[in-house]
Amino acid sequence: MSDDLLKIFAKNLKLYRDVEDISQAKLAELCGISLNYVSLIEMGRKFPGPDNIVQLAKALRVKPYHLFLDLEEDKADPVISKLIARKFLTDLTDQMKTFADGYFKG
């Protein structure tokens, strides 16, 4: 396994987990693997086998190959654009809710 591919996989796993707003513990639970194992994968110290790759992708609602894409080179990929837009809208919605809660309490 090349170090570059391991780094890309680790970075993507964390990105997609953040986009889906899933903790490492929840991802581990959904995939039937340990929290420690998820952490080691995200740190680039372990690489999952094929079955775990499929489970991770399924839990994150992406295709397994998306975990291997170099996002720096593939920014035009429609799936990546969709994920970035989803994360942006989620963050914006949270900010609006926080503002509204503060505004209507005062």
C-alpha atoms as a PDB file:
ATOM      1  CA  MET A   1       0.000   0.000   0.000  1.00  0.00           C
ATOM      2  CA  SER A   2       1.485   3.327  -1.000  1.00  0.00           C
ATOM      3  CA  ASP A   3       1.752   6.016   1.660  1.00  0.00           C
ATOM      4  CA  ASP A   4      -0.011   8.482  -0.653  1.00  0.00           C
ATOM      5  CA  LEU A   5      -3.039   6.223  -1.043  1.00  0.00           C
ATOM      6  CA  LEU A   6      -3.154   5.589   2.690  1.00  0.00           C
ATOM      7  CA  LYS A   7      -3.092   9.352   3.373  1.00  0.00           C
ATOM      8  CA  ILE A   8      -5.807  10.016   0.792  1.00  0.00           C
ATOM      9  CA  PHE A   9      -8.020   7.275   2.229  1.00  0.00           C
ATOM     10  CA  ALA A  10      -7.526   8.545   5.797  1.00  0.00           C
ATOM     11  CA  LYS A  11      -8.253  12.152   4.808  1.00  0.00           C
ATOM     12  CA  ASN A  12     -11.362  11.185   2.845  1.00  0.00           C
ATOM     13  CA  LEU A  13     -12.714   8.991   5.622  1.00  0.00           C
ATOM     14  CA  LYS A  14     -12.556  11.910   8.034  1.00  0.00           C
ATOM     15  CA  LEU A  15     -14.001  14.335   5.469  1.00  0.00           C
ATOM     16  CA  TYR A  16     -16.984  12.130   4.652  1.00  0.00           C
ATOM     17  CA  ARG A  17     -17.515  11.371   8.342  1.00  0.00           C
ATOM     18  CA  ASP A  18     -17.557  15.105   9.078  1.00  0.00           C
ATOM     19  CA  VAL A  19     -19.944  15.742   6.189  1.00  0.00           C
ATOM     20  CA  GLU A  20     -22.335  13.121   7.541  1.00  0.00           C
ATOM     21  CA  ASP A  21     -21.817  14.467  11.083  1.00  0.00           C
ATOM     22  CA  ILE A  22     -20.942  11.011  12.401  1.00  0.00           C
ATOM     23  CA  SER A  23     -18.529  10.541  15.293  1.00  0.00           C
ATOM     24  CA  GLN A  24     -15.761   7.973  15.117  1.00  0.00           C
ATOM     25  CA  ALA A  25     -17.632   5.974  17.753  1.00  0.00           C
ATOM     26  CA  LYS A  26     -20.861   5.985  15.730  1.00  0.00           C
ATOM     27  CA  LEU A  27     -19.006   5.034  12.547  1.00  0.00           C
ATOM     28  CA  ALA A  28     -17.339   2.164  14.385  1.00  0.00           C
ATOM     29  CA  GLU A  29     -20.717   0.998  15.682  1.00  0.00           C
ATOM     30  CA  LEU A  30     -22.334   1.200  12.239  1.00  0.00           C
ATOM     31  CA  CYS A  31     -19.505  -0.815  10.702  1.00  0.00           C
ATOM     32  CA  GLY A  32     -19.072  -3.370  13.469  1.00  0.00           C
ATOM     33  CA  ILE A  33     -15.455  -2.383  14.095  1.00  0.00           C
ATOM     34  CA  SER A  34     -13.699  -0.854  17.078  1.00  0.00           C
ATOM     35  CA  LEU A  35     -13.377   2.851  17.761  1.00  0.00           C
ATOM     36  CA  ASN A  36      -9.622   2.363  18.049  1.00  0.00           C
ATOM     37  CA  TYR A  37      -9.548   0.834  14.557  1.00  0.00           C
ATOM     38  CA  VAL A  38     -11.440   3.786  13.051  1.00  0.00           C
ATOM     39  CA  SER A  39      -9.043   6.158  14.777  1.00  0.00           C
ATOM     40  CA  LEU A  40      -6.012   4.271  13.448  1.00  0.00           C
ATOM     41  CA  ILE A  41      -7.447   4.363   9.923  1.00  0.00           C
ATOM     42  CA  GLU A  42      -8.025   8.132  10.110  1.00  0.00           C
ATOM     43  CA  MET A  43      -4.484   8.637  11.390  1.00  0.00           C
ATOM     44  CA  GLY A  44      -3.164   6.662   8.417  1.00  0.00           C
ATOM     45  CA  ARG A  45      -1.712   3.904  10.580  1.00  0.00           C
ATOM     46  CA  LYS A  46      -4.004   1.096   9.451  1.00  0.00           C
ATOM     47  CA  PHE A  47      -5.658   0.271   6.167  1.00  0.00           C
ATOM     48  CA  PRO A  48      -8.979  -1.605   6.203  1.00  0.00           C
ATOM     49  CA  GLY A  49      -9.634  -4.746   4.243  1.00  0.00           C
ATOM     50  CA  PRO A  50     -12.150  -4.884   1.386  1.00  0.00           C
ATOM     51  CA  ASP A  51     -15.138  -5.824   3.568  1.00  0.00           C
ATOM     52  CA  ASN A  52     -14.482  -2.961   5.968  1.00  0.00           C
ATOM     53  CA  ILE A  53     -14.005  -0.520   3.091  1.00  0.00           C
ATOM     54  CA  VAL A  54     -17.464  -1.452   1.824  1.00  0.00           C
ATOM     55  CA  GLN A  55     -18.966  -1.076   5.317  1.00  0.00           C
ATOM     56  CA  LEU A  56     -17.291   2.303   5.861  1.00  0.00           C
ATOM     57  CA  ALA A  57     -18.505   3.596   2.506  1.00  0.00           C
ATOM     58  CA  LYS A  58     -22.035   2.349   3.145  1.00  0.00           C
ATOM     59  CA  ALA A  59     -22.145   4.042   6.561  1.00  0.00           C
ATOM     60  CA  LEU A  60     -20.922   7.299   5.000  1.00  0.00           C
ATOM     61  CA  ARG A  61     -23.352   7.037   2.068  1.00  0.00           C
ATOM     62  CA  VAL A  62     -20.659   7.052  -0.617  1.00  0.00           C
ATOM     63  CA  LYS A  63     -19.323   4.524  -3.087  1.00  0.00           C
ATOM     64  CA  PRO A  64     -16.185   2.709  -1.918  1.00  0.00           C
ATOM     65  CA  TYR A  65     -14.096   4.263  -4.696  1.00  0.00           C
ATOM     66  CA  HIS A  66     -14.878   7.767  -3.366  1.00  0.00           C
ATOM     67  CA  LEU A  67     -12.690   6.986  -0.373  1.00  0.00           C
ATOM     68  CA  PHE A  68      -9.730   6.655  -2.757  1.00  0.00           C
ATOM     69  CA  LEU A  69     -10.200   9.822  -4.816  1.00  0.00           C
ATOM     70  CA  ASP A  70      -7.567  12.511  -4.494  1.00  0.00           C
ATOM     71  CA  LEU A  71      -9.887  15.416  -3.749  1.00  0.00           C
ATOM     72  CA  GLU A  72      -7.219  17.970  -4.588  1.00  0.00           C
ATOM     73  CA  GLU A  73      -7.179  16.654  -8.160  1.00  0.00           C
ATOM     74  CA  ASP A  74     -10.866  15.701  -8.490  1.00  0.00           C
ATOM     75  CA  LYS A  75     -12.685  18.806  -7.222  1.00  0.00           C
ATOM     76  CA  ALA A  76     -15.025  18.799 -10.215  1.00  0.00           C
ATOM     77  CA  ASP A  77     -16.407  15.363  -9.303  1.00  0.00           C
ATOM     78  CA  PRO A  78     -20.188  15.803  -8.846  1.00  0.00           C
ATOM     79  CA  VAL A  79     -20.271  13.597  -5.749  1.00  0.00           C
ATOM     80  CA  ILE A  80     -17.613  15.693  -4.067  1.00  0.00           C
ATOM     81  CA  SER A  81     -19.445  18.868  -5.023  1.00  0.00           C
ATOM     82  CA  LYS A  82     -22.628  17.431  -3.538  1.00  0.00           C
ATOM     83  CA  LEU A  83     -20.878  16.515  -0.291  1.00  0.00           C
ATOM     84  CA  ILE A  84     -19.284  19.937   0.038  1.00  0.00           C
ATOM     85  CA  ALA A  85     -22.642  21.610  -0.637  1.00  0.00           C
ATOM     86  CA  ARG A  86     -24.371  19.367   1.935  1.00  0.00           C
ATOM     87  CA  LYS A  87     -21.753  20.242   4.574  1.00  0.00           C
ATOM     88  CA  PHE A  88     -22.064  23.959   3.772  1.00  0.00           C
ATOM     89  CA  LEU A  89     -25.871  23.897   3.999  1.00  0.00           C
ATOM     90  CA  THR A  90     -25.775  21.941   7.258  1.00  0.00           C
ATOM     91  CA  ASP A  91     -23.367  24.427   8.785  1.00  0.00           C
ATOM     92  CA  LEU A  92     -25.429  27.360   7.523  1.00  0.00           C
ATOM     93  CA  THR A  93     -28.644  25.861   8.900  1.00  0.00           C
ATOM     94  CA  ASP A  94     -26.994  25.355  12.294  1.00  0.00           C
ATOM     95  CA  GLN A  95     -25.785  28.959  12.323  1.00  0.00           C
ATOM     96  CA  MET A  96     -29.249  30.253  11.398  1.00  0.00           C
ATOM     97  CA  LYS A  97     -30.850  28.161  14.130  1.00  0.00           C
ATOM     98  CA  THR A  98     -28.377  29.483  16.712  1.00  0.00           C
ATOM     99  CA  PHE A  99     -29.074  33.045  15.592  1.00  0.00           C
ATOM    100  CA  ALA A 100     -32.847  32.549  15.669  1.00  0.00           C
ATOM    101  CA  ASP A 101     -32.731  30.936  19.111  1.00  0.00           C
ATOM    102  CA  GLY A 102     -30.748  33.895  20.465  1.00  0.00           C
ATOM    103  CA  TYR A 103     -32.865  36.485  18.673  1.00  0.00           C
ATOM    104  CA  PHE A 104     -36.217  35.189  19.869  1.00  0.00           C
ATOM    105  CA  LYS A 105     -35.076  34.638  23.452  1.00  0.00           C
ATOM    106  CA  GLY A 106     -34.010  38.273  23.784  1.00  0.00           C
END
